[in-house]
Amino acid sequence: IEWVKATSEKHHHVQLPKMHAVLSRLQNFAGSLEHQIVKLG
């Protein structure tokens, strides 16, 4: 998703809808999951 954002922004491509929201959800989920994995040892 970061690649899609960087490519579309760098070359002024069509702004792809909702990519920022998808990336935010991915990061939140990954952060929470990482926290749970660490807590489980």
Full PDB file with SEQRES, HELIX, SHEET, SSBOND, CRYST1, ORIGX, SCALE, CONECT and MASTER records, all heavy atoms in Angstrom:
SEQRES   1 A   41  ILE GLU TRP VAL LYS ALA THR SER GLU LYS HIS HIS HIS          
SEQRES   2 A   41  VAL GLN LEU PRO LYS MET HIS ALA VAL LEU SER ARG LEU          
SEQRES   3 A   41  GLN ASN PHE ALA GLY SER LEU GLU HIS GLN ILE VAL LYS          
SEQRES   4 A   41  LEU GLY                                                      
HELIX    1 AA1 GLU A    2  LYS A   10  1                                   9    
HELIX    2 AA2 MET A   19  LYS A   39  1                                  21    
CRYST1    1.000    1.000    1.000  90.00  90.00  90.00 P 1           1          
ORIGX1      1.000000  0.000000  0.000000        0.00000                         
ORIGX2      0.000000  1.000000  0.000000        0.00000                         
ORIGX3      0.000000  0.000000  1.000000        0.00000                         
SCALE1      1.000000  0.000000  0.000000        0.00000                         
SCALE2      0.000000  1.000000  0.000000        0.00000                         
SCALE3      0.000000  0.000000  1.000000        0.00000                         
ATOM      1  N   ILE A   1       0.839  -1.200   0.000  1.00  0.00           N  
ATOM      2  CA  ILE A   1       0.000   0.000   0.000  1.00  0.00           C  
ATOM      3  C   ILE A   1       0.878   1.255   0.000  1.00  0.00           C  
ATOM      4  O   ILE A   1       0.572   2.239  -0.679  1.00  0.00           O  
ATOM      5  CB  ILE A   1      -0.984   0.005   1.198  1.00  0.00           C  
ATOM      6  CG1 ILE A   1      -1.943  -1.183   1.126  1.00  0.00           C  
ATOM      7  CG2 ILE A   1      -1.747   1.324   1.277  1.00  0.00           C  
ATOM      8  CD1 ILE A   1      -2.936  -1.155  -0.012  1.00  0.00           C  
ATOM      9  N   GLU A   2       1.975   1.228   0.755  1.00  0.00           N  
ATOM     10  CA  GLU A   2       2.899   2.364   0.741  1.00  0.00           C  
ATOM     11  C   GLU A   2       3.469   2.576  -0.667  1.00  0.00           C  
ATOM     12  O   GLU A   2       3.649   3.709  -1.107  1.00  0.00           O  
ATOM     13  CB  GLU A   2       4.027   2.144   1.757  1.00  0.00           C  
ATOM     14  CG  GLU A   2       3.572   2.311   3.188  1.00  0.00           C  
ATOM     15  CD  GLU A   2       4.607   1.880   4.217  1.00  0.00           C  
ATOM     16  OE1 GLU A   2       5.594   1.186   3.850  1.00  0.00           O  
ATOM     17  OE2 GLU A   2       4.417   2.215   5.397  1.00  0.00           O  
ATOM     18  N   TRP A   3       3.750   1.472  -1.378  1.00  0.00           N  
ATOM     19  CA  TRP A   3       4.243   1.566  -2.754  1.00  0.00           C  
ATOM     20  C   TRP A   3       3.197   2.239  -3.652  1.00  0.00           C  
ATOM     21  O   TRP A   3       3.527   3.119  -4.444  1.00  0.00           O  
ATOM     22  CB  TRP A   3       4.595   0.177  -3.302  1.00  0.00           C  
ATOM     23  CG  TRP A   3       4.896   0.194  -4.765  1.00  0.00           C  
ATOM     24  CD1 TRP A   3       6.092   0.504  -5.352  1.00  0.00           C  
ATOM     25  CD2 TRP A   3       3.986  -0.072  -5.836  1.00  0.00           C  
ATOM     26  NE1 TRP A   3       5.972   0.443  -6.713  1.00  0.00           N  
ATOM     27  CE2 TRP A   3       4.688   0.090  -7.045  1.00  0.00           C  
ATOM     28  CE3 TRP A   3       2.643  -0.430  -5.889  1.00  0.00           C  
ATOM     29  CZ2 TRP A   3       4.100  -0.093  -8.285  1.00  0.00           C  
ATOM     30  CZ3 TRP A   3       2.049  -0.615  -7.129  1.00  0.00           C  
ATOM     31  CH2 TRP A   3       2.777  -0.444  -8.305  1.00  0.00           C  
ATOM     32  N   VAL A   4       1.926   1.828  -3.506  1.00  0.00           N  
ATOM     33  CA  VAL A   4       0.854   2.428  -4.310  1.00  0.00           C  
ATOM     34  C   VAL A   4       0.784   3.928  -4.043  1.00  0.00           C  
ATOM     35  O   VAL A   4       0.712   4.737  -4.972  1.00  0.00           O  
ATOM     36  CB  VAL A   4      -0.510   1.757  -4.020  1.00  0.00           C  
ATOM     37  CG1 VAL A   4      -1.656   2.551  -4.632  1.00  0.00           C  
ATOM     38  CG2 VAL A   4      -0.525   0.333  -4.537  1.00  0.00           C  
ATOM     39  N   LYS A   5       0.812   4.312  -2.779  1.00  0.00           N  
ATOM     40  CA  LYS A   5       0.752   5.735  -2.423  1.00  0.00           C  
ATOM     41  C   LYS A   5       1.943   6.496  -2.991  1.00  0.00           C  
ATOM     42  O   LYS A   5       1.780   7.553  -3.588  1.00  0.00           O  
ATOM     43  CB  LYS A   5       0.709   5.893  -0.904  1.00  0.00           C  
ATOM     44  CG  LYS A   5      -0.642   5.626  -0.286  1.00  0.00           C  
ATOM     45  CD  LYS A   5      -0.629   5.863   1.202  1.00  0.00           C  
ATOM     46  CE  LYS A   5      -0.198   7.281   1.477  1.00  0.00           C  
ATOM     47  NZ  LYS A   5       0.196   7.574   2.817  1.00  0.00           N  
ATOM     48  N   ALA A   6       3.134   5.955  -2.811  1.00  0.00           N  
ATOM     49  CA  ALA A   6       4.342   6.640  -3.273  1.00  0.00           C  
ATOM     50  C   ALA A   6       4.351   6.779  -4.791  1.00  0.00           C  
ATOM     51  O   ALA A   6       4.702   7.842  -5.322  1.00  0.00           O  
ATOM     52  CB  ALA A   6       5.581   5.884  -2.814  1.00  0.00           C  
ATOM     53  N   THR A   7       3.955   5.735  -5.484  1.00  0.00           N  
ATOM     54  CA  THR A   7       3.950   5.768  -6.944  1.00  0.00           C  
ATOM     55  C   THR A   7       2.923   6.749  -7.471  1.00  0.00           C  
ATOM     56  O   THR A   7       3.218   7.538  -8.374  1.00  0.00           O  
ATOM     57  CB  THR A   7       3.668   4.361  -7.515  1.00  0.00           C  
ATOM     58  OG1 THR A   7       4.622   3.454  -6.976  1.00  0.00           O  
ATOM     59  CG2 THR A   7       3.774   4.342  -9.016  1.00  0.00           C  
ATOM     60  N   SER A   8       1.739   6.724  -6.903  1.00  0.00           N  
ATOM     61  CA  SER A   8       0.697   7.621  -7.403  1.00  0.00           C  
ATOM     62  C   SER A   8       1.005   9.074  -7.057  1.00  0.00           C  
ATOM     63  O   SER A   8       0.731   9.974  -7.852  1.00  0.00           O  
ATOM     64  CB  SER A   8      -0.679   7.212  -6.890  1.00  0.00           C  
ATOM     65  OG  SER A   8      -0.729   7.260  -5.487  1.00  0.00           O  
ATOM     66  N   GLU A   9       1.619   9.329  -5.911  1.00  0.00           N  
ATOM     67  CA  GLU A   9       1.973  10.700  -5.533  1.00  0.00           C  
ATOM     68  C   GLU A   9       3.169  11.216  -6.323  1.00  0.00           C  
ATOM     69  O   GLU A   9       3.190  12.367  -6.748  1.00  0.00           O  
ATOM     70  CB  GLU A   9       2.261  10.777  -4.031  1.00  0.00           C  
ATOM     71  CG  GLU A   9       1.017  10.632  -3.183  1.00  0.00           C  
ATOM     72  CD  GLU A   9       1.320  10.444  -1.701  1.00  0.00           C  
ATOM     73  OE1 GLU A   9       2.510  10.469  -1.308  1.00  0.00           O  
ATOM     74  OE2 GLU A   9       0.355  10.258  -0.937  1.00  0.00           O  
ATOM     75  N   LYS A  10       4.167  10.354  -6.540  1.00  0.00           N  
ATOM     76  CA  LYS A  10       5.385  10.765  -7.220  1.00  0.00           C  
ATOM     77  C   LYS A  10       5.115  11.176  -8.667  1.00  0.00           C  
ATOM     78  O   LYS A  10       5.699  12.129  -9.174  1.00  0.00           O  
ATOM     79  CB  LYS A  10       6.410   9.628  -7.192  1.00  0.00           C  
ATOM     80  CG  LYS A  10       7.722   9.984  -7.846  1.00  0.00           C  
ATOM     81  CD  LYS A  10       8.712   8.850  -7.739  1.00  0.00           C  
ATOM     82  CE  LYS A  10      10.031   9.268  -8.390  1.00  0.00           C  
ATOM     83  NZ  LYS A  10      11.033   8.234  -8.294  1.00  0.00           N  
ATOM     84  N   HIS A  11       4.251  10.460  -9.321  1.00  0.00           N  
ATOM     85  CA  HIS A  11       4.007  10.708 -10.737  1.00  0.00           C  
ATOM     86  C   HIS A  11       2.671  11.388 -10.998  1.00  0.00           C  
ATOM     87  O   HIS A  11       2.191  11.405 -12.123  1.00  0.00           O  
ATOM     88  CB  HIS A  11       4.099   9.397 -11.519  1.00  0.00           C  
ATOM     89  CG  HIS A  11       5.454   8.775 -11.416  1.00  0.00           C  
ATOM     90  ND1 HIS A  11       6.553   9.290 -12.057  1.00  0.00           N  
ATOM     91  CD2 HIS A  11       5.899   7.707 -10.723  1.00  0.00           C  
ATOM     92  CE1 HIS A  11       7.614   8.551 -11.767  1.00  0.00           C  
ATOM     93  NE2 HIS A  11       7.236   7.590 -10.960  1.00  0.00           N  
ATOM     94  N   HIS A  12       2.068  11.912  -9.963  1.00  0.00           N  
ATOM     95  CA  HIS A  12       0.793  12.622 -10.092  1.00  0.00           C  
ATOM     96  C   HIS A  12      -0.266  11.769 -10.797  1.00  0.00           C  
ATOM     97  O   HIS A  12      -1.035  12.257 -11.608  1.00  0.00           O  
ATOM     98  CB  HIS A  12       0.969  13.963 -10.827  1.00  0.00           C  
ATOM     99  CG  HIS A  12       2.032  14.803 -10.221  1.00  0.00           C  
ATOM    100  ND1 HIS A  12       1.887  15.382  -8.982  1.00  0.00           N  
ATOM    101  CD2 HIS A  12       3.272  15.138 -10.662  1.00  0.00           C  
ATOM    102  CE1 HIS A  12       2.986  16.053  -8.688  1.00  0.00           C  
ATOM    103  NE2 HIS A  12       3.843  15.921  -9.683  1.00  0.00           N  
ATOM    104  N   HIS A  13      -0.239  10.467 -10.473  1.00  0.00           N  
ATOM    105  CA  HIS A  13      -1.261   9.576 -11.022  1.00  0.00           C  
ATOM    106  C   HIS A  13      -2.582   9.879 -10.345  1.00  0.00           C  
ATOM    107  O   HIS A  13      -2.658  10.615  -9.362  1.00  0.00           O  
ATOM    108  CB  HIS A  13      -0.897   8.111 -10.764  1.00  0.00           C  
ATOM    109  CG  HIS A  13       0.287   7.646 -11.540  1.00  0.00           C  
ATOM    110  ND1 HIS A  13       0.929   6.488 -11.246  1.00  0.00           N  
ATOM    111  CD2 HIS A  13       0.959   8.171 -12.596  1.00  0.00           C  
ATOM    112  CE1 HIS A  13       1.936   6.315 -12.075  1.00  0.00           C  
ATOM    113  NE2 HIS A  13       1.979   7.320 -12.895  1.00  0.00           N  
ATOM    114  N   VAL A  14      -3.588   9.264 -10.868  1.00  0.00           N  
ATOM    115  CA  VAL A  14      -4.914   9.373 -10.260  1.00  0.00           C  
ATOM    116  C   VAL A  14      -4.786   9.026  -8.774  1.00  0.00           C  
ATOM    117  O   VAL A  14      -4.156   8.040  -8.422  1.00  0.00           O  
ATOM    118  CB  VAL A  14      -5.853   8.386 -10.973  1.00  0.00           C  
ATOM    119  CG1 VAL A  14      -6.897   7.816 -10.065  1.00  0.00           C  
ATOM    120  CG2 VAL A  14      -6.495   9.035 -12.158  1.00  0.00           C  
ATOM    121  N   GLN A  15      -5.344   9.856  -7.905  1.00  0.00           N  
ATOM    122  CA  GLN A  15      -5.313   9.544  -6.479  1.00  0.00           C  
ATOM    123  C   GLN A  15      -6.255   8.377  -6.223  1.00  0.00           C  
ATOM    124  O   GLN A  15      -7.438   8.469  -6.477  1.00  0.00           O  
ATOM    125  CB  GLN A  15      -5.732  10.757  -5.637  1.00  0.00           C  
ATOM    126  CG  GLN A  15      -5.660  10.523  -4.156  1.00  0.00           C  
ATOM    127  CD  GLN A  15      -4.268  10.126  -3.682  1.00  0.00           C  
ATOM    128  OE1 GLN A  15      -3.274  10.654  -4.107  1.00  0.00           O  
ATOM    129  NE2 GLN A  15      -4.198   9.176  -2.779  1.00  0.00           N  
ATOM    130  N   LEU A  16      -5.695   7.302  -5.776  1.00  0.00           N  
ATOM    131  CA  LEU A  16      -6.491   6.105  -5.554  1.00  0.00           C  
ATOM    132  C   LEU A  16      -7.270   6.253  -4.253  1.00  0.00           C  
ATOM    133  O   LEU A  16      -6.695   6.583  -3.209  1.00  0.00           O  
ATOM    134  CB  LEU A  16      -5.604   4.872  -5.547  1.00  0.00           C  
ATOM    135  CG  LEU A  16      -4.885   4.675  -6.882  1.00  0.00           C  
ATOM    136  CD1 LEU A  16      -3.804   3.627  -6.756  1.00  0.00           C  
ATOM    137  CD2 LEU A  16      -5.867   4.300  -7.966  1.00  0.00           C  
ATOM    138  N   PRO A  17      -8.573   6.037  -4.311  1.00  0.00           N  
ATOM    139  CA  PRO A  17      -9.427   6.302  -3.151  1.00  0.00           C  
ATOM    140  C   PRO A  17      -9.154   5.367  -1.974  1.00  0.00           C  
ATOM    141  O   PRO A  17      -8.850   4.201  -2.157  1.00  0.00           O  
ATOM    142  CB  PRO A  17     -10.843   6.079  -3.695  1.00  0.00           C  
ATOM    143  CG  PRO A  17     -10.677   5.231  -4.900  1.00  0.00           C  
ATOM    144  CD  PRO A  17      -9.307   5.516  -5.448  1.00  0.00           C  
ATOM    145  N   LYS A  18      -9.228   5.933  -0.793  1.00  0.00           N  
ATOM    146  CA  LYS A  18      -9.214   5.202   0.473  1.00  0.00           C  
ATOM    147  C   LYS A  18      -7.899   4.512   0.804  1.00  0.00           C  
ATOM    148  O   LYS A  18      -7.829   3.757   1.749  1.00  0.00           O  
ATOM    149  CB  LYS A  18     -10.352   4.181   0.540  1.00  0.00           C  
ATOM    150  CG  LYS A  18     -11.694   4.759   0.267  1.00  0.00           C  
ATOM    151  CD  LYS A  18     -12.778   4.665   1.229  1.00  0.00           C  
ATOM    152  CE  LYS A  18     -12.856   3.895   2.421  1.00  0.00           C  
ATOM    153  NZ  LYS A  18     -13.331   4.606   3.580  1.00  0.00           N  
ATOM    154  N   MET A  19      -6.843   4.750   0.053  1.00  0.00           N  
ATOM    155  CA  MET A  19      -5.569   4.078   0.343  1.00  0.00           C  
ATOM    156  C   MET A  19      -4.993   4.536   1.684  1.00  0.00           C  
ATOM    157  O   MET A  19      -4.391   3.751   2.395  1.00  0.00           O  
ATOM    158  CB  MET A  19      -4.553   4.285  -0.776  1.00  0.00           C  
ATOM    159  CG  MET A  19      -4.854   3.491  -2.009  1.00  0.00           C  
ATOM    160  SD  MET A  19      -4.871   1.713  -1.644  1.00  0.00           S  
ATOM    161  CE  MET A  19      -5.191   1.082  -3.263  1.00  0.00           C  
ATOM    162  N   HIS A  20      -5.186   5.816   2.028  1.00  0.00           N  
ATOM    163  CA  HIS A  20      -4.704   6.308   3.324  1.00  0.00           C  
ATOM    164  C   HIS A  20      -5.435   5.590   4.460  1.00  0.00           C  
ATOM    165  O   HIS A  20      -4.810   5.200   5.454  1.00  0.00           O  
ATOM    166  CB  HIS A  20      -4.903   7.825   3.441  1.00  0.00           C  
ATOM    167  CG  HIS A  20      -4.040   8.616   2.529  1.00  0.00           C  
ATOM    168  ND1 HIS A  20      -2.700   8.796   2.755  1.00  0.00           N  
ATOM    169  CD2 HIS A  20      -4.308   9.264   1.370  1.00  0.00           C  
ATOM    170  CE1 HIS A  20      -2.175   9.527   1.792  1.00  0.00           C  
ATOM    171  NE2 HIS A  20      -3.135   9.825   0.926  1.00  0.00           N  
ATOM    172  N   ALA A  21      -6.731   5.410   4.313  1.00  0.00           N  
ATOM    173  CA  ALA A  21      -7.525   4.737   5.350  1.00  0.00           C  
ATOM    174  C   ALA A  21      -7.137   3.262   5.465  1.00  0.00           C  
ATOM    175  O   ALA A  21      -7.037   2.730   6.576  1.00  0.00           O  
ATOM    176  CB  ALA A  21      -9.017   4.870   5.035  1.00  0.00           C  
ATOM    177  N   VAL A  22      -6.909   2.619   4.333  1.00  0.00           N  
ATOM    178  CA  VAL A  22      -6.498   1.211   4.352  1.00  0.00           C  
ATOM    179  C   VAL A  22      -5.137   1.080   5.038  1.00  0.00           C  
ATOM    180  O   VAL A  22      -4.941   0.195   5.879  1.00  0.00           O  
ATOM    181  CB  VAL A  22      -6.450   0.621   2.921  1.00  0.00           C  
ATOM    182  CG1 VAL A  22      -5.801  -0.751   2.911  1.00  0.00           C  
ATOM    183  CG2 VAL A  22      -7.848   0.544   2.320  1.00  0.00           C  
ATOM    184  N   LEU A  23      -4.209   1.956   4.696  1.00  0.00           N  
ATOM    185  CA  LEU A  23      -2.877   1.918   5.311  1.00  0.00           C  
ATOM    186  C   LEU A  23      -2.968   2.141   6.819  1.00  0.00           C  
ATOM    187  O   LEU A  23      -2.309   1.447   7.598  1.00  0.00           O  
ATOM    188  CB  LEU A  23      -1.960   2.961   4.666  1.00  0.00           C  
ATOM    189  CG  LEU A  23      -0.528   2.982   5.187  1.00  0.00           C  
ATOM    190  CD1 LEU A  23       0.158   1.636   4.988  1.00  0.00           C  
ATOM    191  CD2 LEU A  23       0.264   4.091   4.500  1.00  0.00           C  
ATOM    192  N   SER A  24      -3.806   3.063   7.240  1.00  0.00           N  
ATOM    193  CA  SER A  24      -3.977   3.332   8.667  1.00  0.00           C  
ATOM    194  C   SER A  24      -4.524   2.100   9.390  1.00  0.00           C  
ATOM    195  O   SER A  24      -4.049   1.735  10.470  1.00  0.00           O  
ATOM    196  CB  SER A  24      -4.915   4.523   8.849  1.00  0.00           C  
ATOM    197  OG  SER A  24      -5.146   4.756  10.211  1.00  0.00           O  
ATOM    198  N   ARG A  25      -5.504   1.441   8.791  1.00  0.00           N  
ATOM    199  CA  ARG A  25      -6.068   0.211   9.385  1.00  0.00           C  
ATOM    200  C   ARG A  25      -5.015  -0.890   9.468  1.00  0.00           C  
ATOM    201  O   ARG A  25      -4.931  -1.612  10.464  1.00  0.00           O  
ATOM    202  CB  ARG A  25      -7.255  -0.289   8.571  1.00  0.00           C  
ATOM    203  CG  ARG A  25      -8.462   0.588   8.604  1.00  0.00           C  
ATOM    204  CD  ARG A  25      -9.185   0.483   9.904  1.00  0.00           C  
ATOM    205  NE  ARG A  25     -10.404   1.277   9.820  1.00  0.00           N  
ATOM    206  CZ  ARG A  25     -11.124   1.602  10.840  1.00  0.00           C  
ATOM    207  NH1 ARG A  25     -10.786   1.220  12.043  1.00  0.00           N  
ATOM    208  NH2 ARG A  25     -12.208   2.320  10.683  1.00  0.00           N  
ATOM    209  N   LEU A  26      -4.224  -1.033   8.403  1.00  0.00           N  
ATOM    210  CA  LEU A  26      -3.156  -2.039   8.393  1.00  0.00           C  
ATOM    211  C   LEU A  26      -2.165  -1.787   9.528  1.00  0.00           C  
ATOM    212  O   LEU A  26      -1.789  -2.708  10.250  1.00  0.00           O  
ATOM    213  CB  LEU A  26      -2.397  -1.984   7.060  1.00  0.00           C  
ATOM    214  CG  LEU A  26      -2.941  -2.783   5.908  1.00  0.00           C  
ATOM    215  CD1 LEU A  26      -2.260  -2.367   4.610  1.00  0.00           C  
ATOM    216  CD2 LEU A  26      -2.747  -4.264   6.134  1.00  0.00           C  
ATOM    217  N   GLN A  27      -1.753  -0.540   9.676  1.00  0.00           N  
ATOM    218  CA  GLN A  27      -0.773  -0.204  10.704  1.00  0.00           C  
ATOM    219  C   GLN A  27      -1.327  -0.413  12.106  1.00  0.00           C  
ATOM    220  O   GLN A  27      -0.619  -0.914  12.991  1.00  0.00           O  
ATOM    221  CB  GLN A  27      -0.296   1.240  10.506  1.00  0.00           C  
ATOM    222  CG  GLN A  27       0.540   1.399   9.254  1.00  0.00           C  
ATOM    223  CD  GLN A  27       0.799   2.843   8.872  1.00  0.00           C  
ATOM    224  OE1 GLN A  27       0.042   3.749   9.238  1.00  0.00           O  
ATOM    225  NE2 GLN A  27       1.868   3.077   8.124  1.00  0.00           N  
ATOM    226  N   ASN A  28      -2.581  -0.053  12.332  1.00  0.00           N  
ATOM    227  CA  ASN A  28      -3.196  -0.259  13.644  1.00  0.00           C  
ATOM    228  C   ASN A  28      -3.295  -1.738  13.986  1.00  0.00           C  
ATOM    229  O   ASN A  28      -2.996  -2.159  15.106  1.00  0.00           O  
ATOM    230  CB  ASN A  28      -4.583   0.385  13.698  1.00  0.00           C  
ATOM    231  CG  ASN A  28      -4.531   1.893  13.703  1.00  0.00           C  
ATOM    232  OD1 ASN A  28      -3.512   2.487  14.021  1.00  0.00           O  
ATOM    233  ND2 ASN A  28      -5.628   2.520  13.324  1.00  0.00           N  
ATOM    234  N   PHE A  29      -3.751  -2.534  13.023  1.00  0.00           N  
ATOM    235  CA  PHE A  29      -3.894  -3.972  13.218  1.00  0.00           C  
ATOM    236  C   PHE A  29      -2.526  -4.601  13.478  1.00  0.00           C  
ATOM    237  O   PHE A  29      -2.352  -5.374  14.427  1.00  0.00           O  
ATOM    238  CB  PHE A  29      -4.572  -4.582  11.987  1.00  0.00           C  
ATOM    239  CG  PHE A  29      -4.924  -6.046  12.091  1.00  0.00           C  
ATOM    240  CD1 PHE A  29      -4.874  -6.751  13.282  1.00  0.00           C  
ATOM    241  CD2 PHE A  29      -5.339  -6.736  10.955  1.00  0.00           C  
ATOM    242  CE1 PHE A  29      -5.216  -8.101  13.353  1.00  0.00           C  
ATOM    243  CE2 PHE A  29      -5.684  -8.073  11.008  1.00  0.00           C  
ATOM    244  CZ  PHE A  29      -5.609  -8.758  12.216  1.00  0.00           C  
ATOM    245  N   ALA A  30      -1.535  -4.252  12.668  1.00  0.00           N  
ATOM    246  CA  ALA A  30      -0.195  -4.821  12.832  1.00  0.00           C  
ATOM    247  C   ALA A  30       0.406  -4.434  14.185  1.00  0.00           C  
ATOM    248  O   ALA A  30       1.010  -5.276  14.863  1.00  0.00           O  
ATOM    249  CB  ALA A  30       0.715  -4.372  11.694  1.00  0.00           C  
ATOM    250  N   GLY A  31       0.223  -3.197  14.596  1.00  0.00           N  
ATOM    251  CA  GLY A  31       0.742  -2.763  15.896  1.00  0.00           C  
ATOM    252  C   GLY A  31       0.110  -3.509  17.056  1.00  0.00           C  
ATOM    253  O   GLY A  31       0.787  -3.939  17.985  1.00  0.00           O  
ATOM    254  N   SER A  32      -1.199  -3.683  17.001  1.00  0.00           N  
ATOM    255  CA  SER A  32      -1.907  -4.407  18.052  1.00  0.00           C  
ATOM    256  C   SER A  32      -1.500  -5.883  18.069  1.00  0.00           C  
ATOM    257  O   SER A  32      -1.291  -6.467  19.133  1.00  0.00           O  
ATOM    258  CB  SER A  32      -3.415  -4.274  17.832  1.00  0.00           C  
ATOM    259  OG  SER A  32      -4.125  -4.893  18.862  1.00  0.00           O  
ATOM    260  N   LEU A  33      -1.375  -6.462  16.901  1.00  0.00           N  
ATOM    261  CA  LEU A  33      -0.967  -7.867  16.802  1.00  0.00           C  
ATOM    262  C   LEU A  33       0.459  -8.056  17.314  1.00  0.00           C  
ATOM    263  O   LEU A  33       0.746  -9.011  18.048  1.00  0.00           O  
ATOM    264  CB  LEU A  33      -1.090  -8.348  15.358  1.00  0.00           C  
ATOM    265  CG  LEU A  33      -0.736  -9.794  15.071  1.00  0.00           C  
ATOM    266  CD1 LEU A  33      -1.569 -10.753  15.914  1.00  0.00           C  
ATOM    267  CD2 LEU A  33      -0.929 -10.101  13.590  1.00  0.00           C  
ATOM    268  N   GLU A  34       1.338  -7.145  16.959  1.00  0.00           N  
ATOM    269  CA  GLU A  34       2.719  -7.215  17.440  1.00  0.00           C  
ATOM    270  C   GLU A  34       2.758  -7.146  18.973  1.00  0.00           C  
ATOM    271  O   GLU A  34       3.492  -7.894  19.622  1.00  0.00           O  
ATOM    272  CB  GLU A  34       3.524  -6.067  16.837  1.00  0.00           C  
ATOM    273  CG  GLU A  34       4.995  -6.141  17.105  1.00  0.00           C  
ATOM    274  CD  GLU A  34       5.760  -5.084  16.340  1.00  0.00           C  
ATOM    275  OE1 GLU A  34       5.755  -5.146  15.098  1.00  0.00           O  
ATOM    276  OE2 GLU A  34       6.347  -4.198  17.004  1.00  0.00           O  
ATOM    277  N   HIS A  35       1.955  -6.267  19.545  1.00  0.00           N  
ATOM    278  CA  HIS A  35       1.872  -6.147  21.005  1.00  0.00           C  
ATOM    279  C   HIS A  35       1.424  -7.472  21.639  1.00  0.00           C  
ATOM    280  O   HIS A  35       1.997  -7.916  22.630  1.00  0.00           O  
ATOM    281  CB  HIS A  35       0.899  -5.016  21.365  1.00  0.00           C  
ATOM    282  CG  HIS A  35       0.675  -4.856  22.830  1.00  0.00           C  
ATOM    283  ND1 HIS A  35       1.613  -4.307  23.671  1.00  0.00           N  
ATOM    284  CD2 HIS A  35      -0.386  -5.193  23.607  1.00  0.00           C  
ATOM    285  CE1 HIS A  35       1.141  -4.313  24.913  1.00  0.00           C  
ATOM    286  NE2 HIS A  35      -0.071  -4.831  24.895  1.00  0.00           N  
ATOM    287  N   GLN A  36       0.426  -8.107  21.048  1.00  0.00           N  
ATOM    288  CA  GLN A  36      -0.073  -9.380  21.584  1.00  0.00           C  
ATOM    289  C   GLN A  36       0.981 -10.478  21.463  1.00  0.00           C  
ATOM    290  O   GLN A  36       1.137 -11.298  22.373  1.00  0.00           O  
ATOM    291  CB  GLN A  36      -1.353  -9.805  20.849  1.00  0.00           C  
ATOM    292  CG  GLN A  36      -2.532  -8.878  21.031  1.00  0.00           C  
ATOM    293  CD  GLN A  36      -3.036  -8.826  22.456  1.00  0.00           C  
ATOM    294  OE1 GLN A  36      -3.001  -9.808  23.181  1.00  0.00           O  
ATOM    295  NE2 GLN A  36      -3.491  -7.661  22.876  1.00  0.00           N  
ATOM    296  N   ILE A  37       1.714 -10.501  20.359  1.00  0.00           N  
ATOM    297  CA  ILE A  37       2.764 -11.509  20.166  1.00  0.00           C  
ATOM    298  C   ILE A  37       3.854 -11.348  21.216  1.00  0.00           C  
ATOM    299  O   ILE A  37       4.306 -12.328  21.819  1.00  0.00           O  
ATOM    300  CB  ILE A  37       3.342 -11.424  18.729  1.00  0.00           C  
ATOM    301  CG1 ILE A  37       2.309 -11.940  17.724  1.00  0.00           C  
ATOM    302  CG2 ILE A  37       4.643 -12.202  18.605  1.00  0.00           C  
ATOM    303  CD1 ILE A  37       2.682 -11.745  16.265  1.00  0.00           C  
ATOM    304  N   VAL A  38       4.264 -10.120  21.471  1.00  0.00           N  
ATOM    305  CA  VAL A  38       5.289  -9.852  22.484  1.00  0.00           C  
ATOM    306  C   VAL A  38       4.778 -10.256  23.860  1.00  0.00           C  
ATOM    307  O   VAL A  38       5.502 -10.881  24.645  1.00  0.00           O  
ATOM    308  CB  VAL A  38       5.712  -8.361  22.450  1.00  0.00           C  
ATOM    309  CG1 VAL A  38       6.546  -7.989  23.654  1.00  0.00           C  
ATOM    310  CG2 VAL A  38       6.452  -8.061  21.155  1.00  0.00           C  
ATOM    311  N   LYS A  39       3.523  -9.920  24.175  1.00  0.00           N  
ATOM    312  CA  LYS A  39       2.949 -10.271  25.483  1.00  0.00           C  
ATOM    313  C   LYS A  39       2.891 -11.784  25.686  1.00  0.00           C  
ATOM    314  O   LYS A  39       3.014 -12.261  26.814  1.00  0.00           O  
ATOM    315  CB  LYS A  39       1.530  -9.695  25.619  1.00  0.00           C  
ATOM    316  CG  LYS A  39       1.499  -8.226  25.851  1.00  0.00           C  
ATOM    317  CD  LYS A  39       1.830  -7.932  27.282  1.00  0.00           C  
ATOM    318  CE  LYS A  39       1.376  -6.544  27.639  1.00  0.00           C  
ATOM    319  NZ  LYS A  39       1.590  -6.252  29.027  1.00  0.00           N  
ATOM    320  N   LEU A  40       2.694 -12.530  24.604  1.00  0.00           N  
ATOM    321  CA  LEU A  40       2.669 -13.989  24.693  1.00  0.00           C  
ATOM    322  C   LEU A  40       4.065 -14.593  24.793  1.00  0.00           C  
ATOM    323  O   LEU A  40       4.212 -15.791  25.009  1.00  0.00           O  
ATOM    324  CB  LEU A  40       1.948 -14.592  23.480  1.00  0.00           C  
ATOM    325  CG  LEU A  40       0.439 -14.505  23.495  1.00  0.00           C  
ATOM    326  CD1 LEU A  40      -0.137 -14.875  22.138  1.00  0.00           C  
ATOM    327  CD2 LEU A  40      -0.137 -15.418  24.574  1.00  0.00           C  
ATOM    328  N   GLY A  41       5.079 -13.772  24.623  1.00  0.00           N  
ATOM    329  CA  GLY A  41       6.453 -14.257  24.694  1.00  0.00           C  
ATOM    330  C   GLY A  41       6.905 -14.960  23.421  1.00  0.00           C  
ATOM    331  O   GLY A  41       7.871 -15.720  23.453  1.00  0.00           O  
TER     332      GLY A  41                                                      
MASTER        0    0    0    2    0    0    0    6  331    1    0    4          
END                                                                             
